[in-house]
């Protein structure tokens, strides 16, 4: 017997859960289909386990350096890796309790377990069950792309690395994006000798490279070995003793291998090929409304093949569901997106990088920088490593901001508000900032922009020359 719905969501990860919740909130009859685990990658294999593990490794790193704070006995401290991984597993279970099929059933959402496949433009099958939908949101996520490496047979991905119970003596990580960097630092701190490989000249190739270089310096200080512009061609050996060889014939030893070299959208097995919704690369063809060429089918989350971040999956899930249901649609805007890489310290991204801004606007931009060591809160907490960098256009509107340092993930959102609502960077001077806080970084960057703005005014120029005002000292009054 066929069941009919106003909205069918395929996939129960961050995007799918958001889309289904919006649908039920708007009074529609909603079904959600998931072939694996409800909660998706973020809950089971991504954000939750990785951030828990990162927190544990950060605590261990702090404990090892207690003598810095006058606390003796750090050399006698020990940690239990299996206990740490149990905490990771327990945290995942606690989060999943709110994302089970039963939890969504209580909201009025019908849930189905199994592979969804389109058999007609408005019908899918899930096993022997046929579902009819007026509208659809495809939110099937992505999977790890495995590079073609001769002899590669035993390896971890983000789906298995958090389930191990013994800390490997050494690990080769192929891919130096956000996943590779986060996991690399955590394991290095747990005592694993990490070899991090990238085809690019620096880690985090899509981030601001000036700040990425500072992060790399920090990772190497902790003992990590980075191998830039390195293509691993083959792997030989046996479990626990692998030899990796690059394109130049150089070899590397590792007890374990992690693949973190990018992901591909999950679009196979859905019956989309015959519907003409995919391009040659197997990706969905979408307009700015997240809509396929079939106007009743939308997509959201990692299946878009863009950003592998859960908050963006949630954002697009909400947007896709609202566009599918409501008469007035909204565009998917990318200009104001932000994200955080949870290294220690954190690395936050908003808008354009300096390179992207220069490519688009040429010399009609201004870049402002403030190092963490010029903020008293950073000095008092011993967190002086890092920098805030803000790029503005010729009218002082923010094009992008990038932060590497303590609490970067929290600081980026204040900058994001300025960008979202078209405020000028110099307008920070109208705000009184509490002291001492990390937010003073943004205040000081804004001061630089404000003083530059003042100098452009003719009466001020004349007045400044008369009084011989040194604006560079005013921009950074405490800089030695």
Protein backbone atom coordinates (compact mmCIF):
# COMPACT_ATOMS: atom_id res chain seq x y z
CA UNK A 1 0.00 0.00 0.00
CA UNK A 2 1.31 3.42 -0.99
CA UNK A 3 1.80 6.11 1.67
CA UNK A 4 1.54 9.78 0.73
CA UNK A 5 3.44 12.75 2.18
CA UNK A 6 3.75 16.46 1.61
CA UNK A 7 7.52 16.23 2.09
CA UNK A 8 9.89 13.28 1.95
CA UNK A 9 13.42 13.79 3.23
CA UNK A 10 16.02 11.27 2.09
CA UNK A 11 18.80 11.17 4.67
CA UNK A 12 18.73 11.70 8.43
CA UNK A 13 21.96 13.56 9.06
CA UNK A 14 22.28 17.23 9.99
CA UNK A 15 20.64 18.46 6.78
CA UNK A 16 17.88 15.85 6.73
CA UNK A 17 16.94 16.31 10.38
CA UNK A 18 16.73 20.08 9.88
CA UNK A 19 14.61 19.75 6.75
CA UNK A 20 12.19 17.26 8.33
CA UNK A 21 11.81 19.39 11.46
CA UNK A 22 11.02 22.47 9.36
CA UNK A 23 8.44 20.50 7.40
CA UNK A 24 6.61 19.26 10.47
CA UNK A 25 6.84 22.74 12.00
CA UNK A 26 5.06 24.16 8.96
CA UNK A 27 2.21 21.71 9.42
CA UNK A 28 3.13 19.27 6.66
CA UNK A 29 3.02 15.49 6.67
CA UNK A 30 6.67 14.45 6.63
CA UNK A 31 8.62 11.23 6.13
CA UNK A 32 12.36 10.79 6.68
CA UNK A 33 14.30 7.89 5.18
CA UNK A 34 17.76 6.75 6.33
CA UNK A 35 19.74 3.76 5.07
CA UNK A 36 22.27 3.76 7.92
CA UNK A 37 22.22 5.51 11.31
CA UNK A 38 19.91 8.37 12.19
CA UNK A 39 22.01 11.36 13.20
CA UNK A 40 24.36 10.93 10.26
CA UNK A 41 28.10 11.36 10.01
CA UNK A 42 28.30 14.32 12.39
CA UNK A 43 26.90 12.43 15.36
CA UNK A 44 28.50 9.04 14.78
CA UNK A 45 31.74 9.63 12.87
CA UNK A 46 32.43 13.35 12.66
CA UNK A 47 31.78 16.39 14.84
CA UNK A 48 30.82 14.67 18.08
CA UNK A 49 33.54 12.00 18.34
CA UNK A 50 36.24 14.25 16.88
CA UNK A 51 35.53 17.22 19.12
CA UNK A 52 35.36 14.95 22.17
CA UNK A 53 38.72 13.44 21.29
CA UNK A 54 40.21 16.87 20.60
CA UNK A 55 39.02 18.06 24.03
CA UNK A 56 40.67 15.07 25.71
CA UNK A 57 43.94 15.61 23.84
CA UNK A 58 43.86 19.29 24.74
CA UNK A 59 43.41 18.41 28.42
CA UNK A 60 46.34 16.00 28.22
CA UNK A 61 48.51 18.63 26.54
CA UNK A 62 47.62 21.09 29.31
CA UNK A 63 48.41 18.50 31.98
CA UNK A 64 51.84 17.82 30.49
CA UNK A 65 52.67 21.51 30.81
CA UNK A 66 51.42 22.11 34.36
CA UNK A 67 54.86 23.20 35.51
CA UNK A 68 54.36 26.34 33.42
CA UNK A 69 51.75 27.32 36.02
CA UNK A 70 53.89 26.38 39.02
CA UNK A 71 52.21 23.00 39.52
CA UNK A 72 54.70 20.19 40.18
CA UNK A 73 54.42 16.50 39.33
CA UNK A 74 53.39 16.65 35.67
CA UNK A 75 56.11 14.12 34.78
CA UNK A 76 54.25 11.45 36.79
CA UNK A 77 50.90 11.86 35.04
CA UNK A 78 49.54 9.07 32.85
CA UNK A 79 46.57 8.63 30.57
CA UNK A 80 44.53 5.63 29.46
CA UNK A 81 43.86 5.74 25.71
CA UNK A 82 41.15 3.09 25.84
CA UNK A 83 39.36 5.04 28.58
CA UNK A 84 39.60 8.19 26.49
CA UNK A 85 38.03 6.41 23.52
CA UNK A 86 35.29 5.04 25.78
CA UNK A 87 34.44 8.63 26.69
CA UNK A 88 34.25 9.40 22.97
CA UNK A 89 31.87 6.48 22.44
CA UNK A 90 29.73 7.39 25.46
CA UNK A 91 29.40 10.98 24.25
CA UNK A 92 28.20 9.80 20.85
CA UNK A 93 25.57 7.61 22.54
CA UNK A 94 24.29 10.53 24.64
CA UNK A 95 23.91 12.78 21.61
CA UNK A 96 22.23 10.02 19.60
CA UNK A 97 19.51 9.62 22.25
CA UNK A 98 17.90 12.80 20.89
CA UNK A 99 18.22 11.70 17.25
CA UNK A 100 16.75 8.20 17.25
CA UNK A 101 13.84 7.25 14.98
CA UNK A 102 11.65 7.17 18.11
CA UNK A 103 12.59 10.77 18.94
CA UNK A 104 11.44 11.93 15.51
CA UNK A 105 8.29 9.83 15.68
CA UNK A 106 7.33 11.78 18.80
CA UNK A 107 7.53 14.95 16.70
CA UNK A 108 5.10 13.46 14.20
CA UNK A 109 7.69 12.53 11.56
CA UNK A 110 7.34 9.08 10.01
CA UNK A 111 10.72 7.35 9.78
CA UNK A 112 11.85 4.59 7.43
CA UNK A 113 15.03 2.52 7.58
CA UNK A 114 16.48 1.45 4.25
CA UNK A 115 17.71 2.52 0.83
CA UNK A 116 15.48 5.05 -0.92
CA UNK A 117 15.21 4.86 -4.69
CA UNK A 118 13.18 6.93 -7.13
CA UNK A 119 10.96 4.76 -9.32
CA UNK A 120 8.95 7.70 -10.63
CA UNK A 121 9.43 11.46 -10.28
CA UNK A 122 7.10 11.53 -7.24
CA UNK A 123 7.59 8.00 -5.93
CA UNK A 124 10.36 6.21 -4.08
CA UNK A 125 10.70 2.72 -2.74
CA UNK A 126 12.21 1.80 0.62
CA UNK A 127 12.46 -1.96 0.53
CA UNK A 128 8.93 -3.14 -0.28
CA UNK A 129 7.33 0.12 0.81
CA UNK A 130 6.24 2.72 -1.75
CA UNK A 131 6.14 6.38 -0.72
CA UNK A 132 4.57 9.21 -2.71
CA UNK A 133 5.82 12.73 -2.08
CA UNK A 134 4.68 16.12 -3.29
CA UNK A 135 8.14 17.51 -2.50
CA UNK A 136 11.53 15.93 -1.77
CA UNK A 137 14.76 17.00 -0.10
CA UNK A 138 17.78 14.85 -0.91
CA UNK A 139 20.16 14.96 2.05
CA UNK A 140 22.15 11.77 1.64
CA UNK A 141 25.52 13.18 2.71
CA UNK A 142 28.92 12.14 1.40
CA UNK A 143 31.53 9.41 1.69
CA UNK A 144 35.31 9.34 1.92
CA UNK A 145 37.06 9.38 -1.45
CA UNK A 146 39.81 6.77 -1.47
CA UNK A 147 42.84 7.70 -3.61
CA UNK A 148 44.23 5.17 -6.05
CA UNK A 149 47.31 3.95 -4.20
CA UNK A 150 48.88 0.66 -5.20
CA UNK A 151 48.77 -1.87 -2.36
CA UNK A 152 46.45 0.19 -0.14
CA UNK A 153 44.25 -2.35 1.62
CA UNK A 154 44.14 -1.64 5.37
CA UNK A 155 43.39 1.91 6.37
CA UNK A 156 41.19 4.08 8.55
CA UNK A 157 38.81 6.87 7.57
CA UNK A 158 36.83 9.23 9.80
CA UNK A 159 34.25 6.44 10.10
CA UNK A 160 36.61 4.03 11.86
CA UNK A 161 39.40 6.01 13.51
CA UNK A 162 37.35 6.91 16.60
CA UNK A 163 36.56 3.26 17.28
CA UNK A 164 40.12 2.09 17.89
CA UNK A 165 41.11 1.24 21.46
CA UNK A 166 44.91 1.19 21.18
CA UNK A 167 47.05 4.18 20.32
CA UNK A 168 49.27 3.38 17.29
CA UNK A 169 52.98 4.17 17.61
CA UNK A 170 52.93 5.98 14.28
CA UNK A 171 50.34 7.11 11.77
CA UNK A 172 50.46 8.30 8.16
CA UNK A 173 47.63 10.72 7.40
CA UNK A 174 46.98 11.35 3.71
CA UNK A 175 45.26 14.69 3.34
CA UNK A 176 45.90 17.92 5.26
CA UNK A 177 42.47 19.51 5.20
CA UNK A 178 40.38 20.15 8.29
CA UNK A 179 39.80 16.46 9.12
CA UNK A 180 43.43 15.50 8.61
CA UNK A 181 44.78 18.40 10.66
CA UNK A 182 42.39 17.94 13.59
CA UNK A 183 43.04 14.22 13.90
CA UNK A 184 46.78 14.65 13.32
CA UNK A 185 47.19 17.04 16.23
CA UNK A 186 45.08 14.94 18.59
CA UNK A 187 47.03 11.73 17.93
CA UNK A 188 50.39 13.51 18.03
CA UNK A 189 49.52 14.73 21.51
CA UNK A 190 48.57 11.20 22.56
CA UNK A 191 52.08 10.03 21.66
CA UNK A 192 51.59 8.79 18.10
CA UNK A 193 54.27 9.97 15.68
CA UNK A 194 52.20 11.52 12.90
CA UNK A 195 53.37 11.88 9.30
CA UNK A 196 51.00 14.29 7.53
CA UNK A 197 50.99 14.24 3.71
CA UNK A 198 49.58 16.83 1.32
CA UNK A 199 49.74 17.44 -2.41
CA UNK A 200 49.82 21.14 -1.61
CA UNK A 201 52.63 23.29 -0.28
CA UNK A 202 50.83 23.99 3.02
CA UNK A 203 48.18 22.50 5.26
CA UNK A 204 44.58 23.70 4.88
CA UNK A 205 45.00 24.69 1.20
CA UNK A 206 41.62 26.45 1.03
CA UNK A 207 42.28 28.64 4.07
CA UNK A 208 44.26 31.85 4.49
CA UNK A 209 47.80 30.67 3.91
CA UNK A 210 49.45 33.28 6.13
CA UNK A 211 47.61 31.89 9.14
CA UNK A 212 47.91 28.28 7.95
CA UNK A 213 51.69 28.71 8.08
CA UNK A 214 51.46 29.80 11.74
CA UNK A 215 49.34 26.75 12.59
CA UNK A 216 51.78 24.45 10.79
CA UNK A 217 54.63 25.91 12.84
CA UNK A 218 52.67 25.10 15.99
CA UNK A 219 52.01 21.51 14.85
CA UNK A 220 55.65 20.95 14.00
CA UNK A 221 56.67 22.33 17.40
CA UNK A 222 54.54 19.54 18.92
CA UNK A 223 56.49 16.96 16.91
CA UNK A 224 54.31 16.36 13.84
CA UNK A 225 56.13 15.77 10.53
CA UNK A 226 54.59 17.52 7.52
CA UNK A 227 55.36 16.39 3.97
CA UNK A 228 54.24 19.03 1.41
CA UNK A 229 53.74 18.40 -2.31
CA UNK A 230 53.94 14.67 -1.69
CA UNK A 231 52.02 12.08 -3.73
CA UNK A 232 51.86 8.66 -2.09
CA UNK A 233 51.94 6.11 -4.90
CA UNK A 234 52.18 2.74 -3.17
CA UNK A 235 51.91 0.93 0.16
CA UNK A 236 53.66 -2.30 1.14
CA UNK A 237 53.86 -4.39 4.29
CA UNK A 238 51.39 -5.81 6.75
CA UNK A 239 49.09 -4.62 9.52
CA UNK A 240 51.01 -2.47 11.98
CA UNK A 241 54.08 -2.14 9.75
CA UNK A 242 53.44 -0.25 6.52
CA UNK A 243 55.91 1.27 4.08
CA UNK A 244 54.58 4.14 1.99
CA UNK A 245 56.41 5.26 -1.16
CA UNK A 246 55.91 8.62 -2.85
CA UNK A 247 56.21 9.60 -6.53
CA UNK A 248 59.92 10.37 -6.08
CA UNK A 249 60.71 6.99 -4.56
CA UNK A 250 61.09 8.19 -0.98
CA UNK A 251 59.72 5.83 1.67
CA UNK A 252 57.98 6.41 5.01
CA UNK A 253 57.09 4.01 7.83
CA UNK A 254 53.79 3.92 9.70
CA UNK A 255 51.91 1.52 11.94
CA UNK A 256 48.55 2.89 10.82
CA UNK A 257 47.16 4.79 7.83
CA UNK A 258 44.34 7.33 7.81
CA UNK A 259 42.76 8.57 4.57
CA UNK A 260 41.50 12.15 4.87
CA UNK A 261 41.89 13.38 1.31
CA UNK A 262 38.38 14.58 0.54
CA UNK A 263 34.82 13.34 0.16
CA UNK A 264 32.34 12.66 -2.64
CA UNK A 265 28.54 13.13 -2.54
CA UNK A 266 26.26 10.11 -2.05
CA UNK A 267 24.17 10.18 -5.21
CA UNK A 268 24.41 6.60 -6.45
CA UNK A 269 21.68 4.02 -5.76
CA UNK A 270 18.99 6.73 -5.66
CA UNK A 271 17.79 6.28 -9.23
CA UNK A 272 18.76 9.85 -10.15
CA UNK A 273 20.81 9.09 -13.27
CA UNK A 274 17.83 8.30 -15.48
CA UNK A 275 16.08 11.42 -14.23
CA UNK A 276 18.85 13.63 -15.61
CA UNK A 277 19.55 15.29 -12.27
CA UNK A 278 23.29 14.53 -12.16
CA UNK A 279 26.24 15.94 -14.06
CA UNK A 280 29.06 13.81 -15.50
CA UNK A 281 30.85 13.79 -12.14
CA UNK A 282 27.78 12.35 -10.41
CA UNK A 283 26.88 15.58 -8.63
CA UNK A 284 23.42 17.10 -8.43
CA UNK A 285 22.72 20.01 -10.77
CA UNK A 286 21.07 22.73 -8.68
CA UNK A 287 19.98 26.34 -9.00
CA UNK A 288 20.44 29.06 -6.38
CA UNK A 289 17.33 27.80 -4.55
CA UNK A 290 18.93 24.35 -4.00
CA UNK A 291 16.40 23.05 -6.53
CA UNK A 292 17.01 20.45 -9.23
CA UNK A 293 15.62 20.80 -12.74
CA UNK A 294 12.60 18.91 -11.40
CA UNK A 295 11.02 21.72 -9.38
CA UNK A 296 9.68 19.47 -6.61
CA UNK A 297 13.09 17.97 -5.77
CA UNK A 298 15.64 19.88 -3.66
CA UNK A 299 18.95 18.99 -2.04
CA UNK A 300 20.88 19.97 1.08
CA UNK A 301 23.97 19.17 3.12
CA UNK A 302 27.14 17.36 2.14
CA UNK A 303 25.48 15.88 -0.95
CA UNK A 304 25.91 19.34 -2.49
CA UNK A 305 29.62 18.54 -2.72
CA UNK A 306 30.71 21.88 -1.29
CA UNK A 307 31.46 22.26 2.41
CA UNK A 308 31.70 19.34 4.80
CA UNK A 309 30.47 21.21 7.86
CA UNK A 310 27.40 20.27 9.88
CA UNK A 311 26.21 23.81 10.54
CA UNK A 312 26.13 24.41 6.79
CA UNK A 313 24.27 21.15 6.30
CA UNK A 314 21.70 22.31 8.84
CA UNK A 315 21.47 25.73 7.18
CA UNK A 316 20.90 24.28 3.72
CA UNK A 317 18.45 21.72 5.11
CA UNK A 318 16.31 24.50 6.56
CA UNK A 319 16.58 26.54 3.37
CA UNK A 320 15.74 23.63 1.06
CA UNK A 321 12.68 22.64 3.11
CA UNK A 322 11.38 26.19 3.27
CA UNK A 323 11.90 26.68 -0.46
CA UNK A 324 10.11 23.40 -1.14
CA UNK A 325 7.10 24.29 1.01
CA UNK A 326 6.66 28.06 1.03
CA UNK A 327 5.48 30.16 -1.93
CA UNK A 328 8.36 32.64 -1.59
CA UNK A 329 11.84 31.19 -2.08
CA UNK A 330 15.27 32.36 -0.91
CA UNK A 331 18.69 32.04 -2.51
CA UNK A 332 21.52 30.04 -1.01
CA UNK A 333 24.04 32.78 -0.20
CA UNK A 334 27.66 31.74 0.29
CA UNK A 335 29.29 35.14 0.87
CA UNK A 336 28.66 35.21 4.63
CA UNK A 337 29.40 31.60 5.51
CA UNK A 338 31.82 30.90 8.33
CA UNK A 339 33.43 27.78 9.71
CA UNK A 340 35.93 26.64 12.30
CA UNK A 341 38.75 24.11 12.21
CA UNK A 342 39.11 22.76 15.73
CA UNK A 343 42.87 22.65 15.96
CA UNK A 344 44.45 24.00 19.14
CA UNK A 345 44.40 26.96 18.91
CA UNK A 346 41.35 27.14 16.66
CA UNK A 347 41.27 28.37 13.07
CA UNK A 348 38.18 30.34 11.98
CA UNK A 349 37.14 31.42 8.47
CA UNK A 350 34.63 33.99 7.22
CA UNK A 351 34.08 35.11 3.63
CA UNK A 352 36.97 35.69 1.23
CA UNK A 353 40.62 34.94 1.91
CA UNK A 354 43.16 37.65 1.12
CA UNK A 355 44.12 35.86 -2.10
CA UNK A 356 40.49 35.53 -3.19
CA UNK A 357 39.83 39.18 -2.37
CA UNK A 358 42.84 40.35 -4.39
CA UNK A 359 41.79 38.18 -7.32
CA UNK A 360 38.31 39.71 -7.27
CA UNK A 361 39.04 43.32 -6.30
CA UNK A 362 42.71 43.83 -7.15
CA UNK A 363 44.35 46.53 -5.06
CA UNK A 364 41.02 47.99 -3.93
CA UNK A 365 41.21 46.17 -0.61
CA UNK A 366 42.83 46.78 2.75
CA UNK A 367 44.09 44.06 5.09
CA UNK A 368 44.23 44.65 8.84
CA UNK A 369 46.09 42.36 11.24
CA UNK A 370 46.37 42.15 15.00
CA UNK A 371 48.52 39.49 16.72
CA UNK A 372 47.23 37.86 19.89
CA UNK A 373 50.26 38.97 21.90
CA UNK A 374 48.95 42.55 21.75
CA UNK A 375 45.87 41.62 23.79
CA UNK A 376 46.23 41.46 27.57
CA UNK A 377 43.81 38.53 28.01
CA UNK A 378 46.02 36.40 25.78
CA UNK A 379 49.07 37.41 27.81
CA UNK A 380 47.41 36.58 31.13
CA UNK A 381 46.36 33.11 29.93
CA UNK A 382 49.56 32.29 28.06
CA UNK A 383 47.70 32.12 24.74
CA UNK A 384 49.75 34.62 22.76
CA UNK A 385 50.14 32.49 19.63
CA UNK A 386 47.84 33.64 16.85
CA UNK A 387 46.47 36.46 14.74
CA UNK A 388 43.21 38.05 13.62
CA UNK A 389 43.12 39.20 10.02
CA UNK A 390 40.29 41.22 8.45
CA UNK A 391 39.97 42.14 4.76
CA UNK A 392 37.83 45.14 3.76
CA UNK A 393 36.89 46.81 0.48
CA UNK A 394 37.53 50.44 -0.41
CA UNK A 395 34.41 51.47 1.50
CA UNK A 396 35.54 49.71 4.69
CA UNK A 397 32.99 46.89 4.39
CA UNK A 398 34.21 43.47 5.46
CA UNK A 399 35.02 40.99 2.68
CA UNK A 400 36.53 38.31 4.87
CA UNK A 401 38.07 37.55 8.24
CA UNK A 402 40.40 34.81 9.42
CA UNK A 403 41.48 34.05 12.95
CA UNK A 404 44.04 31.62 14.28
CA UNK A 405 44.18 31.64 18.05
CA UNK A 406 42.39 31.00 21.32
CA UNK A 407 38.56 31.07 21.00
CA UNK A 408 38.71 31.89 17.31
CA UNK A 409 35.50 29.93 16.80
CA UNK A 410 33.62 32.29 19.09
CA UNK A 411 35.27 35.51 17.89
CA UNK A 412 34.46 34.94 14.22
CA UNK A 413 30.73 35.38 14.77
CA UNK A 414 31.00 39.00 15.90
CA UNK A 415 32.86 39.77 12.68
CA UNK A 416 30.19 37.80 10.82
CA UNK A 417 27.44 40.03 12.19
CA UNK A 418 29.25 43.10 10.86
CA UNK A 419 29.60 41.44 7.45
CA UNK A 420 26.04 40.11 7.33
CA UNK A 421 24.48 43.50 8.03
CA UNK A 422 26.87 45.61 5.99
CA UNK A 423 28.50 47.42 8.92
CA UNK A 424 31.87 49.05 8.42
CA UNK A 425 34.89 47.73 10.27
CA UNK A 426 35.55 51.20 11.67
CA UNK A 427 32.16 51.10 13.44
CA UNK A 428 33.66 48.87 16.15
CA UNK A 429 34.82 52.12 17.76
CA UNK A 430 31.21 52.92 18.66
CA UNK A 431 31.19 49.88 20.96
CA UNK A 432 32.71 49.76 24.45
CA UNK A 433 34.49 46.41 24.88
CA UNK A 434 34.93 44.76 28.27
CA UNK A 435 38.52 44.41 29.47
CA UNK A 436 40.38 42.12 29.40
CA UNK A 437 38.73 39.97 26.71
CA UNK A 438 39.76 38.29 23.47
CA UNK A 439 37.12 40.43 21.75
CA UNK A 440 39.56 43.32 22.03
CA UNK A 441 41.26 41.82 18.99
CA UNK A 442 38.33 42.98 16.86
CA UNK A 443 38.25 46.30 18.68
CA UNK A 444 41.92 46.93 17.87
CA UNK A 445 41.53 45.90 14.23
CA UNK A 446 38.58 48.28 14.04
CA UNK A 447 40.70 51.05 15.54
CA UNK A 448 43.18 50.67 12.69
CA UNK A 449 40.37 50.98 10.15
CA UNK A 450 38.84 53.94 11.99
CA UNK A 451 42.11 55.89 12.01
CA UNK A 452 42.66 55.16 8.32
CA UNK A 453 39.15 56.49 7.68
CA UNK A 454 39.94 59.65 9.65
CA UNK A 455 43.09 60.33 7.68
CA UNK A 456 41.12 60.35 4.44
CA UNK A 457 39.08 63.38 5.53
CA UNK A 458 40.67 66.65 4.33
CA UNK A 459 40.10 68.74 7.50
CA UNK A 460 41.58 65.95 9.59
CA UNK A 461 44.55 65.66 7.24
CA UNK A 462 45.40 69.33 7.69
CA UNK A 463 44.85 69.17 11.45
CA UNK A 464 47.01 66.06 11.73
CA UNK A 465 49.90 67.62 9.84
CA UNK A 466 49.74 70.70 12.03
CA UNK A 467 49.86 68.64 15.24
CA UNK A 468 52.26 66.05 13.73
CA UNK A 469 50.01 63.16 14.75
CA UNK A 470 51.57 59.69 14.34
CA UNK A 471 48.65 57.51 13.23
CA UNK A 472 50.71 54.31 13.20
CA UNK A 473 51.27 54.65 16.94
CA UNK A 474 47.58 55.40 17.47
CA UNK A 475 46.61 52.23 15.59
CA UNK A 476 48.65 50.09 17.98
CA UNK A 477 49.23 52.27 21.06
CA UNK A 478 50.67 49.40 23.14
CA UNK A 479 52.90 47.96 20.44
CA UNK A 480 56.58 48.03 21.37
